[in-house]
Amino acid sequence: MSAPRLSVIIPVYNEQETLSTLFARLYPALDALGLSYEVLFVNDGSRDRSAALLKDQFLVRPDVTRVILFNANCGQHMAIMAGFEYCRG
């Protein structure tokens, strides 16, 4: 598989209430670009259902979704840096 042209890194911390709206808006917008892409969600030790929702989204769109799970809250900066470390685009 070739590297995507675009990588979107999204740090997540306790966002269970907003993730479904994000998924519903983000993927159609990226699909409309006509570019190859990947979305990397970095769950920063959320204590709510964010990690489970991200895993579910991976099952829906495994072709473009990647999920990194932190066991503890490391902060937004570390979450973004982890995304940069693992992105392919």
PDB file of N, CA and C in Angstrom:
ATOM      1  N   MET A   1       0.839  -1.179   0.000  1.00  0.00           N
ATOM      2  CA  MET A   1       0.000   0.000   0.000  1.00  0.00           C
ATOM      3  C   MET A   1       0.885   1.244   0.000  1.00  0.00           C
ATOM      4  N   SER A   2       0.597   2.189  -0.872  1.00  0.00           N
ATOM      5  CA  SER A   2       1.397   3.402  -0.945  1.00  0.00           C
ATOM      6  C   SER A   2       1.032   4.361   0.186  1.00  0.00           C
ATOM      7  N   ALA A   3       1.962   5.246   0.482  1.00  0.00           N
ATOM      8  CA  ALA A   3       1.741   6.217   1.553  1.00  0.00           C
ATOM      9  C   ALA A   3       0.640   7.196   1.160  1.00  0.00           C
ATOM     10  N   PRO A   4      -0.207   7.561   2.102  1.00  0.00           N
ATOM     11  CA  PRO A   4      -1.253   8.540   1.797  1.00  0.00           C
ATOM     12  C   PRO A   4      -0.643   9.916   1.548  1.00  0.00           C
ATOM     13  N   ARG A   5      -1.336  10.719   0.778  1.00  0.00           N
ATOM     14  CA  ARG A   5      -0.863  12.084   0.515  1.00  0.00           C
ATOM     15  C   ARG A   5      -1.115  12.998   1.707  1.00  0.00           C
ATOM     16  N   LEU A   6      -2.118  12.675   2.506  1.00  0.00           N
ATOM     17  CA  LEU A   6      -2.519  13.541   3.610  1.00  0.00           C
ATOM     18  C   LEU A   6      -2.688  12.717   4.877  1.00  0.00           C
ATOM     19  N   SER A   7      -2.120  13.207   5.970  1.00  0.00           N
ATOM     20  CA  SER A   7      -2.334  12.612   7.289  1.00  0.00           C
ATOM     21  C   SER A   7      -2.997  13.654   8.177  1.00  0.00           C
ATOM     22  N   VAL A   8      -4.067  13.257   8.839  1.00  0.00           N
ATOM     23  CA  VAL A   8      -4.771  14.129   9.778  1.00  0.00           C
ATOM     24  C   VAL A   8      -4.593  13.520  11.161  1.00  0.00           C
ATOM     25  N   ILE A   9      -4.004  14.283  12.071  1.00  0.00           N
ATOM     26  CA  ILE A   9      -3.744  13.801  13.428  1.00  0.00           C
ATOM     27  C   ILE A   9      -4.712  14.505  14.373  1.00  0.00           C
ATOM     28  N   ILE A  10      -5.460  13.709  15.126  1.00  0.00           N
ATOM     29  CA  ILE A  10      -6.470  14.272  16.026  1.00  0.00           C
ATOM     30  C   ILE A  10      -6.250  13.728  17.437  1.00  0.00           C
ATOM     31  N   PRO A  11      -5.768  14.580  18.361  1.00  0.00           N
ATOM     32  CA  PRO A  11      -5.670  14.145  19.752  1.00  0.00           C
ATOM     33  C   PRO A  11      -7.067  14.101  20.368  1.00  0.00           C
ATOM     34  N   VAL A  12      -7.306  13.100  21.186  1.00  0.00           N
ATOM     35  CA  VAL A  12      -8.634  12.902  21.776  1.00  0.00           C
ATOM     36  C   VAL A  12      -8.480  12.710  23.281  1.00  0.00           C
ATOM     37  N   TYR A  13      -9.254  13.467  24.044  1.00  0.00           N
ATOM     38  CA  TYR A  13      -9.305  13.267  25.491  1.00  0.00           C
ATOM     39  C   TYR A  13     -10.734  13.516  25.968  1.00  0.00           C
ATOM     40  N   ASN A  14     -11.383  12.465  26.417  1.00  0.00           N
ATOM     41  CA  ASN A  14     -12.753  12.537  26.946  1.00  0.00           C
ATOM     42  C   ASN A  14     -13.706  13.246  25.980  1.00  0.00           C
ATOM     43  N   GLU A  15     -13.773  12.747  24.775  1.00  0.00           N
ATOM     44  CA  GLU A  15     -14.598  13.358  23.724  1.00  0.00           C
ATOM     45  C   GLU A  15     -15.759  12.465  23.283  1.00  0.00           C
ATOM     46  N   GLN A  16     -16.222  11.579  24.145  1.00  0.00           N
ATOM     47  CA  GLN A  16     -17.273  10.639  23.734  1.00  0.00           C
ATOM     48  C   GLN A  16     -18.519  11.347  23.212  1.00  0.00           C
ATOM     49  N   GLU A  17     -18.802  12.524  23.699  1.00  0.00           N
ATOM     50  CA  GLU A  17     -20.014  13.241  23.292  1.00  0.00           C
ATOM     51  C   GLU A  17     -19.897  13.847  21.897  1.00  0.00           C
ATOM     52  N   THR A  18     -18.685  14.082  21.422  1.00  0.00           N
ATOM     53  CA  THR A  18     -18.505  14.790  20.147  1.00  0.00           C
ATOM     54  C   THR A  18     -17.943  13.925  19.025  1.00  0.00           C
ATOM     55  N   LEU A  19     -17.476  12.738  19.336  1.00  0.00           N
ATOM     56  CA  LEU A  19     -16.818  11.927  18.308  1.00  0.00           C
ATOM     57  C   LEU A  19     -17.745  11.531  17.168  1.00  0.00           C
ATOM     58  N   SER A  20     -18.977  11.181  17.456  1.00  0.00           N
ATOM     59  CA  SER A  20     -19.863  10.755  16.367  1.00  0.00           C
ATOM     60  C   SER A  20     -20.101  11.895  15.378  1.00  0.00           C
ATOM     61  N   THR A  21     -20.228  13.113  15.869  1.00  0.00           N
ATOM     62  CA  THR A  21     -20.375  14.268  14.976  1.00  0.00           C
ATOM     63  C   THR A  21     -19.101  14.488  14.174  1.00  0.00           C
ATOM     64  N   LEU A  22     -17.968  14.349  14.828  1.00  0.00           N
ATOM     65  CA  LEU A  22     -16.689  14.483  14.121  1.00  0.00           C
ATOM     66  C   LEU A  22     -16.581  13.457  13.002  1.00  0.00           C
ATOM     67  N   PHE A  23     -16.878  12.204  13.299  1.00  0.00           N
ATOM     68  CA  PHE A  23     -16.803  11.153  12.275  1.00  0.00           C
ATOM     69  C   PHE A  23     -17.729  11.474  11.099  1.00  0.00           C
ATOM     70  N   ALA A  24     -18.944  11.902  11.413  1.00  0.00           N
ATOM     71  CA  ALA A  24     -19.945  12.169  10.375  1.00  0.00           C
ATOM     72  C   ALA A  24     -19.541  13.321   9.461  1.00  0.00           C
ATOM     73  N   ARG A  25     -18.774  14.262   9.964  1.00  0.00           N
ATOM     74  CA  ARG A  25     -18.353  15.416   9.156  1.00  0.00           C
ATOM     75  C   ARG A  25     -16.977  15.222   8.525  1.00  0.00           C
ATOM     76  N   LEU A  26     -16.070  14.617   9.264  1.00  0.00           N
ATOM     77  CA  LEU A  26     -14.679  14.515   8.815  1.00  0.00           C
ATOM     78  C   LEU A  26     -14.508  13.615   7.599  1.00  0.00           C
ATOM     79  N   TYR A  27     -15.017  12.402   7.671  1.00  0.00           N
ATOM     80  CA  TYR A  27     -14.771  11.449   6.584  1.00  0.00           C
ATOM     81  C   TYR A  27     -15.369  11.896   5.251  1.00  0.00           C
ATOM     82  N   PRO A  28     -16.610  12.398   5.212  1.00  0.00           N
ATOM     83  CA  PRO A  28     -17.123  12.890   3.925  1.00  0.00           C
ATOM     84  C   PRO A  28     -16.297  14.053   3.366  1.00  0.00           C
ATOM     85  N   ALA A  29     -15.838  14.947   4.240  1.00  0.00           N
ATOM     86  CA  ALA A  29     -15.026  16.076   3.774  1.00  0.00           C
ATOM     87  C   ALA A  29     -13.704  15.592   3.190  1.00  0.00           C
ATOM     88  N   LEU A  30     -13.073  14.632   3.840  1.00  0.00           N
ATOM     89  CA  LEU A  30     -11.808  14.102   3.327  1.00  0.00           C
ATOM     90  C   LEU A  30     -12.023  13.280   2.064  1.00  0.00           C
ATOM     91  N   ASP A  31     -13.088  12.498   2.018  1.00  0.00           N
ATOM     92  CA  ASP A  31     -13.396  11.725   0.809  1.00  0.00           C
ATOM     93  C   ASP A  31     -13.585  12.651  -0.389  1.00  0.00           C
ATOM     94  N   ALA A  32     -14.206  13.805  -0.159  1.00  0.00           N
ATOM     95  CA  ALA A  32     -14.495  14.743  -1.248  1.00  0.00           C
ATOM     96  C   ALA A  32     -13.235  15.372  -1.835  1.00  0.00           C
ATOM     97  N   LEU A  33     -12.134  15.348  -1.099  1.00  0.00           N
ATOM     98  CA  LEU A  33     -10.891  15.922  -1.611  1.00  0.00           C
ATOM     99  C   LEU A  33     -10.322  15.130  -2.783  1.00  0.00           C
ATOM    100  N   GLY A  34     -10.636  13.853  -2.820  1.00  0.00           N
ATOM    101  CA  GLY A  34     -10.113  13.013  -3.892  1.00  0.00           C
ATOM    102  C   GLY A  34      -8.646  12.659  -3.723  1.00  0.00           C
ATOM    103  N   LEU A  35      -8.118  12.816  -2.525  1.00  0.00           N
ATOM    104  CA  LEU A  35      -6.732  12.470  -2.213  1.00  0.00           C
ATOM    105  C   LEU A  35      -6.699  11.219  -1.346  1.00  0.00           C
ATOM    106  N   SER A  36      -5.592  10.507  -1.400  1.00  0.00           N
ATOM    107  CA  SER A  36      -5.420   9.418  -0.439  1.00  0.00           C
ATOM    108  C   SER A  36      -5.098  10.059   0.917  1.00  0.00           C
ATOM    109  N   TYR A  37      -5.673   9.505   1.961  1.00  0.00           N
ATOM    110  CA  TYR A  37      -5.477  10.093   3.286  1.00  0.00           C
ATOM    111  C   TYR A  37      -5.535   9.024   4.359  1.00  0.00           C
ATOM    112  N   GLU A  38      -5.112   9.435   5.548  1.00  0.00           N
ATOM    113  CA  GLU A  38      -5.268   8.630   6.754  1.00  0.00           C
ATOM    114  C   GLU A  38      -5.648   9.574   7.881  1.00  0.00           C
ATOM    115  N   VAL A  39      -6.411   9.060   8.816  1.00  0.00           N
ATOM    116  CA  VAL A  39      -6.761   9.816  10.013  1.00  0.00           C
ATOM    117  C   VAL A  39      -6.188   9.050  11.195  1.00  0.00           C
ATOM    118  N   LEU A  40      -5.326   9.714  11.954  1.00  0.00           N
ATOM    119  CA  LEU A  40      -4.748   9.119  13.153  1.00  0.00           C
ATOM    120  C   LEU A  40      -5.383   9.769  14.370  1.00  0.00           C
ATOM    121  N   PHE A  41      -6.118   8.981  15.115  1.00  0.00           N
ATOM    122  CA  PHE A  41      -6.682   9.440  16.375  1.00  0.00           C
ATOM    123  C   PHE A  41      -5.741   8.983  17.481  1.00  0.00           C
ATOM    124  N   VAL A  42      -5.334   9.903  18.340  1.00  0.00           N
ATOM    125  CA  VAL A  42      -4.478   9.555  19.470  1.00  0.00           C
ATOM    126  C   VAL A  42      -5.296   9.765  20.735  1.00  0.00           C
ATOM    127  N   ASN A  43      -5.736   8.668  21.329  1.00  0.00           N
ATOM    128  CA  ASN A  43      -6.512   8.745  22.562  1.00  0.00           C
ATOM    129  C   ASN A  43      -5.549   8.957  23.726  1.00  0.00           C
ATOM    130  N   ASP A  44      -5.667  10.097  24.362  1.00  0.00           N
ATOM    131  CA  ASP A  44      -4.726  10.517  25.397  1.00  0.00           C
ATOM    132  C   ASP A  44      -5.198  10.118  26.795  1.00  0.00           C
ATOM    133  N   GLY A  45      -5.428   8.825  26.984  1.00  0.00           N
ATOM    134  CA  GLY A  45      -5.804   8.317  28.299  1.00  0.00           C
ATOM    135  C   GLY A  45      -7.199   8.717  28.746  1.00  0.00           C
ATOM    136  N   SER A  46      -8.120   8.837  27.817  1.00  0.00           N
ATOM    137  CA  SER A  46      -9.495   9.220  28.163  1.00  0.00           C
ATOM    138  C   SER A  46     -10.080   8.275  29.202  1.00  0.00           C
ATOM    139  N   ARG A  47     -10.911   8.841  30.075  1.00  0.00           N
ATOM    140  CA  ARG A  47     -11.575   8.045  31.114  1.00  0.00           C
ATOM    141  C   ARG A  47     -13.022   7.744  30.759  1.00  0.00           C
ATOM    142  N   ASP A  48     -13.464   8.255  29.627  1.00  0.00           N
ATOM    143  CA  ASP A  48     -14.828   7.980  29.183  1.00  0.00           C
ATOM    144  C   ASP A  48     -14.785   6.887  28.106  1.00  0.00           C
ATOM    145  N   ARG A  49     -15.759   6.843  27.229  1.00  0.00           N
ATOM    146  CA  ARG A  49     -15.840   5.801  26.208  1.00  0.00           C
ATOM    147  C   ARG A  49     -15.129   6.170  24.905  1.00  0.00           C
ATOM    148  N   SER A  50     -14.309   7.198  24.925  1.00  0.00           N
ATOM    149  CA  SER A  50     -13.637   7.640  23.697  1.00  0.00           C
ATOM    150  C   SER A  50     -12.846   6.518  23.038  1.00  0.00           C
ATOM    151  N   ALA A  51     -12.071   5.775  23.801  1.00  0.00           N
ATOM    152  CA  ALA A  51     -11.252   4.701  23.220  1.00  0.00           C
ATOM    153  C   ALA A  51     -12.123   3.659  22.534  1.00  0.00           C
ATOM    154  N   ALA A  52     -13.220   3.281  23.147  1.00  0.00           N
ATOM    155  CA  ALA A  52     -14.122   2.292  22.547  1.00  0.00           C
ATOM    156  C   ALA A  52     -14.739   2.825  21.261  1.00  0.00           C
ATOM    157  N   LEU A  53     -15.114   4.097  21.248  1.00  0.00           N
ATOM    158  CA  LEU A  53     -15.693   4.692  20.040  1.00  0.00           C
ATOM    159  C   LEU A  53     -14.667   4.770  18.917  1.00  0.00           C
ATOM    160  N   LEU A  54     -13.421   5.051  19.256  1.00  0.00           N
ATOM    161  CA  LEU A  54     -12.362   5.081  18.243  1.00  0.00           C
ATOM    162  C   LEU A  54     -12.122   3.686  17.671  1.00  0.00           C
ATOM    163  N   LYS A  55     -12.140   2.687  18.524  1.00  0.00           N
ATOM    164  CA  LYS A  55     -11.985   1.309  18.039  1.00  0.00           C
ATOM    165  C   LYS A  55     -13.136   0.936  17.110  1.00  0.00           C
ATOM    166  N   ASP A  56     -14.345   1.334  17.465  1.00  0.00           N
ATOM    167  CA  ASP A  56     -15.507   1.068  16.604  1.00  0.00           C
ATOM    168  C   ASP A  56     -15.352   1.762  15.256  1.00  0.00           C
ATOM    169  N   GLN A  57     -14.868   2.995  15.274  1.00  0.00           N
ATOM    170  CA  GLN A  57     -14.684   3.729  14.019  1.00  0.00           C
ATOM    171  C   GLN A  57     -13.616   3.064  13.156  1.00  0.00           C
ATOM    172  N   PHE A  58     -12.596   2.527  13.786  1.00  0.00           N
ATOM    173  CA  PHE A  58     -11.582   1.791  13.029  1.00  0.00           C
ATOM    174  C   PHE A  58     -12.226   0.619  12.288  1.00  0.00           C
ATOM    175  N   LEU A  59     -13.153  -0.060  12.920  1.00  0.00           N
ATOM    176  CA  LEU A  59     -13.828  -1.185  12.269  1.00  0.00           C
ATOM    177  C   LEU A  59     -14.695  -0.734  11.100  1.00  0.00           C
ATOM    178  N   VAL A  60     -15.222   0.485  11.174  1.00  0.00           N
ATOM    179  CA  VAL A  60     -16.048   1.029  10.094  1.00  0.00           C
ATOM    180  C   VAL A  60     -15.188   1.451   8.905  1.00  0.00           C
ATOM    181  N   ARG A  61     -14.046   2.095   9.157  1.00  0.00           N
ATOM    182  CA  ARG A  61     -13.190   2.617   8.085  1.00  0.00           C
ATOM    183  C   ARG A  61     -11.728   2.220   8.310  1.00  0.00           C
ATOM    184  N   PRO A  62     -11.419   0.924   8.338  1.00  0.00           N
ATOM    185  CA  PRO A  62     -10.041   0.502   8.615  1.00  0.00           C
ATOM    186  C   PRO A  62      -9.052   0.908   7.528  1.00  0.00           C
ATOM    187  N   ASP A  63      -9.554   1.206   6.346  1.00  0.00           N
ATOM    188  CA  ASP A  63      -8.679   1.588   5.240  1.00  0.00           C
ATOM    189  C   ASP A  63      -8.006   2.937   5.462  1.00  0.00           C
ATOM    190  N   VAL A  64      -8.631   3.819   6.221  1.00  0.00           N
ATOM    191  CA  VAL A  64      -8.083   5.166   6.398  1.00  0.00           C
ATOM    192  C   VAL A  64      -7.954   5.587   7.863  1.00  0.00           C
ATOM    193  N   THR A  65      -8.361   4.730   8.786  1.00  0.00           N
ATOM    194  CA  THR A  65      -8.362   5.088  10.206  1.00  0.00           C
ATOM    195  C   THR A  65      -7.265   4.341  10.945  1.00  0.00           C
ATOM    196  N   ARG A  66      -6.534   5.092  11.764  1.00  0.00           N
ATOM    197  CA  ARG A  66      -5.542   4.489  12.651  1.00  0.00           C
ATOM    198  C   ARG A  66      -5.795   5.046  14.047  1.00  0.00           C
ATOM    199  N   VAL A  67      -5.606   4.206  15.045  1.00  0.00           N
ATOM    200  CA  VAL A  67      -5.874   4.611  16.425  1.00  0.00           C
ATOM    201  C   VAL A  67      -4.658   4.278  17.277  1.00  0.00           C
ATOM    202  N   ILE A  68      -4.201   5.265  18.022  1.00  0.00           N
ATOM    203  CA  ILE A  68      -3.122   5.091  18.991  1.00  0.00           C
ATOM    204  C   ILE A  68      -3.744   5.312  20.365  1.00  0.00           C
ATOM    205  N   LEU A  69      -3.514   4.393  21.277  1.00  0.00           N
ATOM    206  CA  LEU A  69      -4.108   4.478  22.615  1.00  0.00           C
ATOM    207  C   LEU A  69      -3.024   4.672  23.668  1.00  0.00           C
ATOM    208  N   PHE A  70      -3.107   5.760  24.415  1.00  0.00           N
ATOM    209  CA  PHE A  70      -2.244   5.974  25.575  1.00  0.00           C
ATOM    210  C   PHE A  70      -2.977   5.434  26.798  1.00  0.00           C
ATOM    211  N   ASN A  71      -2.243   4.806  27.707  1.00  0.00           N
ATOM    212  CA  ASN A  71      -2.839   4.309  28.946  1.00  0.00           C
ATOM    213  C   ASN A  71      -3.091   5.422  29.957  1.00  0.00           C
ATOM    214  N   ALA A  72      -2.337   6.501  29.842  1.00  0.00           N
ATOM    215  CA  ALA A  72      -2.474   7.622  30.774  1.00  0.00           C
ATOM    216  C   ALA A  72      -2.547   8.916  29.979  1.00  0.00           C
ATOM    217  N   ASN A  73      -3.008   9.961  30.634  1.00  0.00           N
ATOM    218  CA  ASN A  73      -3.074  11.275  30.004  1.00  0.00           C
ATOM    219  C   ASN A  73      -1.675  11.875  29.981  1.00  0.00           C
ATOM    220  N   CYS A  74      -1.141  12.044  28.782  1.00  0.00           N
ATOM    221  CA  CYS A  74       0.220  12.568  28.606  1.00  0.00           C
ATOM    222  C   CYS A  74       0.222  14.005  28.111  1.00  0.00           C
ATOM    223  N   GLY A  75      -0.932  14.528  27.787  1.00  0.00           N
ATOM    224  CA  GLY A  75      -1.031  15.900  27.316  1.00  0.00           C
ATOM    225  C   GLY A  75      -1.172  15.985  25.805  1.00  0.00           C
ATOM    226  N   GLN A  76      -1.762  17.090  25.371  1.00  0.00           N
ATOM    227  CA  GLN A  76      -2.040  17.287  23.950  1.00  0.00           C
ATOM    228  C   GLN A  76      -0.763  17.279  23.111  1.00  0.00           C
ATOM    229  N   HIS A  77       0.285  17.913  23.597  1.00  0.00           N
ATOM    230  CA  HIS A  77       1.535  17.966  22.841  1.00  0.00           C
ATOM    231  C   HIS A  77       2.079  16.568  22.569  1.00  0.00           C
ATOM    232  N   MET A  78       2.121  15.732  23.587  1.00  0.00           N
ATOM    233  CA  MET A  78       2.633  14.366  23.410  1.00  0.00           C
ATOM    234  C   MET A  78       1.739  13.560  22.476  1.00  0.00           C
ATOM    235  N   ALA A  79       0.439  13.775  22.548  1.00  0.00           N
ATOM    236  CA  ALA A  79      -0.486  13.069  21.657  1.00  0.00           C
ATOM    237  C   ALA A  79      -0.226  13.458  20.207  1.00  0.00           C
ATOM    238  N   ILE A  80      -0.047  14.740  19.961  1.00  0.00           N
ATOM    239  CA  ILE A  80       0.241  15.194  18.598  1.00  0.00           C
ATOM    240  C   ILE A  80       1.585  14.658  18.127  1.00  0.00           C
ATOM    241  N   MET A  81       2.586  14.685  18.975  1.00  0.00           N
ATOM    242  CA  MET A  81       3.913  14.174  18.601  1.00  0.00           C
ATOM    243  C   MET A  81       3.857  12.680  18.284  1.00  0.00           C
ATOM    244  N   ALA A  82       3.067  11.922  19.032  1.00  0.00           N
ATOM    245  CA  ALA A  82       2.904  10.494  18.728  1.00  0.00           C
ATOM    246  C   ALA A  82       2.265  10.325  17.361  1.00  0.00           C
ATOM    247  N   GLY A  83       1.297  11.163  17.048  1.00  0.00           N
ATOM    248  CA  GLY A  83       0.685  11.115  15.725  1.00  0.00           C
ATOM    249  C   GLY A  83       1.698  11.371  14.630  1.00  0.00           C
ATOM    250  N   PHE A  84       2.567  12.369  14.821  1.00  0.00           N
ATOM    251  CA  PHE A  84       3.616  12.646  13.832  1.00  0.00           C
ATOM    252  C   PHE A  84       4.559  11.457  13.678  1.00  0.00           C
ATOM    253  N   GLU A  85       4.846  10.788  14.783  1.00  0.00           N
ATOM    254  CA  GLU A  85       5.762   9.650  14.736  1.00  0.00           C
ATOM    255  C   GLU A  85       5.195   8.497  13.908  1.00  0.00           C
ATOM    256  N   TYR A  86       3.888   8.312  13.958  1.00  0.00           N
ATOM    257  CA  TYR A  86       3.271   7.166  13.294  1.00  0.00           C
ATOM    258  C   TYR A  86       2.573   7.490  11.974  1.00  0.00           C
ATOM    259  N   CYS A  87       2.487   8.758  11.608  1.00  0.00           N
ATOM    260  CA  CYS A  87       1.805   9.083  10.349  1.00  0.00           C
ATOM    261  C   CYS A  87       2.663   8.665   9.156  1.00  0.00           C
ATOM    262  N   ARG A  88       1.991   8.390   8.057  1.00  0.00           N
ATOM    263  CA  ARG A  88       2.674   7.927   6.849  1.00  0.00           C
ATOM    264  C   ARG A  88       2.583   8.920   5.701  1.00  0.00           C
ATOM    265  N   GLY A  89       1.758   9.941   5.847  1.00  0.00           N
ATOM    266  CA  GLY A  89       1.553  10.891   4.758  1.00  0.00           C
ATOM    267  C   GLY A  89       2.345  12.157   4.924  1.00  0.00           C
TER     268      GLY A  89
END
